[in-house]
Amino acid sequence: MSRHVFISLMNAVEGKDAEYDAWYGEEHLPEVLKIPGFVAAQRFRLSTAQLAGMTPRWKYLVIYEIEGESPKQALAELGRRIGGGEMIVSPALAPDVAAWAYSPLELRRTAGS
């Protein structure tokens, strides 16, 4: 069985980071992990250390892991639940969200291997 990643990049509405953080960590992420196929997730905040000349667009990143031959069913169910109102989207989430699924090209490599 393959493991895919689904990344989501986003921002909070100006001045609503605490509200966004509480909603995402306490409500949204646990709801997503109840969807069949979603097996893990980790949230990140933009680091102050970046490559020179790079201007970050998003402050927050979530990396989900999806298990299965394809992420298609898990993503379809996520879209259905959000679109159908089963998952509430916080007004603290800025509307400029980017999200993509990726499937592995090769085995994971580590330093020294």
C-alpha atoms as a PDB file:
ATOM      1  CA  MET A   1       0.000   0.000   0.000  1.00  0.00           C
ATOM      2  CA  SER A   2       1.329   3.446  -0.904  1.00  0.00           C
ATOM      3  CA  ARG A   3       1.587   6.451   1.343  1.00  0.00           C
ATOM      4  CA  HIS A   4       0.808   9.825  -0.257  1.00  0.00           C
ATOM      5  CA  VAL A   5       1.106  13.319   1.156  1.00  0.00           C
ATOM      6  CA  PHE A   6      -1.467  16.059   1.002  1.00  0.00           C
ATOM      7  CA  ILE A   7      -0.087  19.497   1.785  1.00  0.00           C
ATOM      8  CA  SER A   8      -2.138  22.512   2.663  1.00  0.00           C
ATOM      9  CA  LEU A   9      -0.761  26.054   2.867  1.00  0.00           C
ATOM     10  CA  MET A  10      -2.761  28.823   4.507  1.00  0.00           C
ATOM     11  CA  ASN A  11      -2.911  32.004   6.522  1.00  0.00           C
ATOM     12  CA  ALA A  12      -5.089  33.239   9.330  1.00  0.00           C
ATOM     13  CA  VAL A  13      -7.177  36.362   8.887  1.00  0.00           C
ATOM     14  CA  GLU A  14      -5.150  39.342  10.127  1.00  0.00           C
ATOM     15  CA  GLY A  15      -5.232  39.425  13.936  1.00  0.00           C
ATOM     16  CA  LYS A  16      -6.991  36.044  14.263  1.00  0.00           C
ATOM     17  CA  ASP A  17      -4.024  33.670  14.572  1.00  0.00           C
ATOM     18  CA  ALA A  18      -5.063  32.404  18.031  1.00  0.00           C
ATOM     19  CA  GLU A  19      -8.622  31.673  16.848  1.00  0.00           C
ATOM     20  CA  TYR A  20      -7.314  29.975  13.683  1.00  0.00           C
ATOM     21  CA  ASP A  21      -4.801  27.916  15.688  1.00  0.00           C
ATOM     22  CA  ALA A  22      -7.434  26.699  18.166  1.00  0.00           C
ATOM     23  CA  TRP A  23      -9.900  25.765  15.411  1.00  0.00           C
ATOM     24  CA  TYR A  24      -7.327  23.965  13.272  1.00  0.00           C
ATOM     25  CA  GLY A  25      -5.661  22.052  16.085  1.00  0.00           C
ATOM     26  CA  GLU A  26      -8.721  21.218  18.176  1.00  0.00           C
ATOM     27  CA  GLU A  27     -11.459  20.817  15.551  1.00  0.00           C
ATOM     28  CA  HIS A  28     -10.382  20.629  11.936  1.00  0.00           C
ATOM     29  CA  LEU A  29      -7.335  18.385  12.080  1.00  0.00           C
ATOM     30  CA  PRO A  30      -9.055  15.727  14.261  1.00  0.00           C
ATOM     31  CA  GLU A  31     -12.048  15.765  11.870  1.00  0.00           C
ATOM     32  CA  VAL A  32      -9.804  15.220   8.844  1.00  0.00           C
ATOM     33  CA  LEU A  33      -8.041  12.316  10.569  1.00  0.00           C
ATOM     34  CA  LYS A  34     -11.422  10.555  10.948  1.00  0.00           C
ATOM     35  CA  ILE A  35     -11.704  10.324   7.144  1.00  0.00           C
ATOM     36  CA  PRO A  36     -10.740   6.862   5.844  1.00  0.00           C
ATOM     37  CA  GLY A  37      -7.305   6.991   4.239  1.00  0.00           C
ATOM     38  CA  PHE A  38      -5.968   9.907   6.288  1.00  0.00           C
ATOM     39  CA  VAL A  39      -3.529   8.308   8.738  1.00  0.00           C
ATOM     40  CA  ALA A  40      -1.333  11.126  10.094  1.00  0.00           C
ATOM     41  CA  ALA A  41      -0.828  14.880  10.098  1.00  0.00           C
ATOM     42  CA  GLN A  42       1.645  17.454  11.289  1.00  0.00           C
ATOM     43  CA  ARG A  43       1.239  21.232  11.449  1.00  0.00           C
ATOM     44  CA  PHE A  44       3.992  23.792  10.885  1.00  0.00           C
ATOM     45  CA  ARG A  45       4.440  27.550  11.267  1.00  0.00           C
ATOM     46  CA  LEU A  46       6.732  29.471   8.924  1.00  0.00           C
ATOM     47  CA  SER A  47      10.281  29.700  10.254  1.00  0.00           C
ATOM     48  CA  THR A  48      12.090  33.004  10.493  1.00  0.00           C
ATOM     49  CA  ALA A  49      15.048  31.349   8.696  1.00  0.00           C
ATOM     50  CA  GLN A  50      14.541  31.223   4.912  1.00  0.00           C
ATOM     51  CA  LEU A  51      16.682  31.135   1.789  1.00  0.00           C
ATOM     52  CA  ALA A  52      17.855  34.604   0.774  1.00  0.00           C
ATOM     53  CA  GLY A  53      15.455  36.328  -1.593  1.00  0.00           C
ATOM     54  CA  MET A  54      12.517  34.017  -0.896  1.00  0.00           C
ATOM     55  CA  THR A  55       9.279  35.771   0.027  1.00  0.00           C
ATOM     56  CA  PRO A  56       6.875  33.390   1.735  1.00  0.00           C
ATOM     57  CA  ARG A  57       3.206  33.691   0.836  1.00  0.00           C
ATOM     58  CA  TRP A  58       1.740  31.424   3.519  1.00  0.00           C
ATOM     59  CA  LYS A  59       2.444  31.301   7.242  1.00  0.00           C
ATOM     60  CA  TYR A  60       1.039  27.835   7.986  1.00  0.00           C
ATOM     61  CA  LEU A  61       1.611  24.384   6.494  1.00  0.00           C
ATOM     62  CA  VAL A  62      -0.058  21.072   7.249  1.00  0.00           C
ATOM     63  CA  ILE A  63       1.277  17.801   5.885  1.00  0.00           C
ATOM     64  CA  TYR A  64      -1.230  14.961   5.918  1.00  0.00           C
ATOM     65  CA  GLU A  65      -0.365  11.366   5.115  1.00  0.00           C
ATOM     66  CA  ILE A  66      -2.879   9.341   3.118  1.00  0.00           C
ATOM     67  CA  GLU A  67      -2.600   5.583   2.846  1.00  0.00           C
ATOM     68  CA  GLY A  68      -3.940   3.692  -0.171  1.00  0.00           C
ATOM     69  CA  GLU A  69      -3.292   2.996  -3.822  1.00  0.00           C
ATOM     70  CA  SER A  70      -4.421   6.536  -4.626  1.00  0.00           C
ATOM     71  CA  PRO A  71      -5.392   9.560  -2.509  1.00  0.00           C
ATOM     72  CA  LYS A  72      -8.454  10.086  -4.717  1.00  0.00           C
ATOM     73  CA  GLN A  73     -11.129   8.626  -2.403  1.00  0.00           C
ATOM     74  CA  ALA A  74      -9.816  10.314   0.742  1.00  0.00           C
ATOM     75  CA  LEU A  75      -9.642  13.684  -0.993  1.00  0.00           C
ATOM     76  CA  ALA A  76     -13.112  13.265  -2.495  1.00  0.00           C
ATOM     77  CA  GLU A  77     -14.504  12.545   0.967  1.00  0.00           C
ATOM     78  CA  LEU A  78     -12.710  15.560   2.436  1.00  0.00           C
ATOM     79  CA  GLY A  79     -14.186  17.765  -0.301  1.00  0.00           C
ATOM     80  CA  ARG A  80     -17.642  16.274   0.222  1.00  0.00           C
ATOM     81  CA  ARG A  81     -17.562  16.895   3.975  1.00  0.00           C
ATOM     82  CA  ILE A  82     -16.346  20.472   3.608  1.00  0.00           C
ATOM     83  CA  GLY A  83     -18.715  21.258   0.723  1.00  0.00           C
ATOM     84  CA  GLY A  84     -21.646  19.583   2.460  1.00  0.00           C
ATOM     85  CA  GLY A  85     -21.221  21.546   5.660  1.00  0.00           C
ATOM     86  CA  GLU A  86     -20.229  18.541   7.804  1.00  0.00           C
ATOM     87  CA  MET A  87     -16.930  20.268   8.547  1.00  0.00           C
ATOM     88  CA  ILE A  88     -17.110  23.851   9.679  1.00  0.00           C
ATOM     89  CA  VAL A  89     -14.489  26.199   8.241  1.00  0.00           C
ATOM     90  CA  SER A  90     -13.485  28.881  10.711  1.00  0.00           C
ATOM     91  CA  PRO A  91     -13.950  32.527   9.714  1.00  0.00           C
ATOM     92  CA  ALA A  92     -10.400  32.972  11.084  1.00  0.00           C
ATOM     93  CA  LEU A  93      -9.049  31.066   8.056  1.00  0.00           C
ATOM     94  CA  ALA A  94      -8.018  33.444   5.268  1.00  0.00           C
ATOM     95  CA  PRO A  95      -9.582  32.445   1.913  1.00  0.00           C
ATOM     96  CA  ASP A  96      -6.267  32.098   0.045  1.00  0.00           C
ATOM     97  CA  VAL A  97      -5.635  28.381   0.722  1.00  0.00           C
ATOM     98  CA  ALA A  98      -3.510  26.141  -1.475  1.00  0.00           C
ATOM     99  CA  ALA A  99      -3.635  22.339  -1.235  1.00  0.00           C
ATOM    100  CA  TRP A 100      -2.105  19.562  -3.324  1.00  0.00           C
ATOM    101  CA  ALA A 101      -1.678  15.799  -3.100  1.00  0.00           C
ATOM    102  CA  TYR A 102       1.602  14.134  -4.039  1.00  0.00           C
ATOM    103  CA  SER A 103       2.427  10.492  -4.655  1.00  0.00           C
ATOM    104  CA  PRO A 104       5.948   9.085  -4.170  1.00  0.00           C
ATOM    105  CA  LEU A 105       8.335   8.742  -7.098  1.00  0.00           C
ATOM    106  CA  GLU A 106      10.928   6.713  -5.238  1.00  0.00           C
ATOM    107  CA  LEU A 107      11.769   5.356  -1.816  1.00  0.00           C
ATOM    108  CA  ARG A 108      12.571   7.803   0.965  1.00  0.00           C
ATOM    109  CA  ARG A 109      16.256   8.648   1.271  1.00  0.00           C
ATOM    110  CA  THR A 110      18.208   9.615   4.345  1.00  0.00           C
ATOM    111  CA  ALA A 111      21.555  11.330   4.857  1.00  0.00           C
ATOM    112  CA  GLY A 112      24.396   8.877   4.357  1.00  0.00           C
ATOM    113  CA  SER A 113      22.391   6.393   2.345  1.00  0.00           C
END
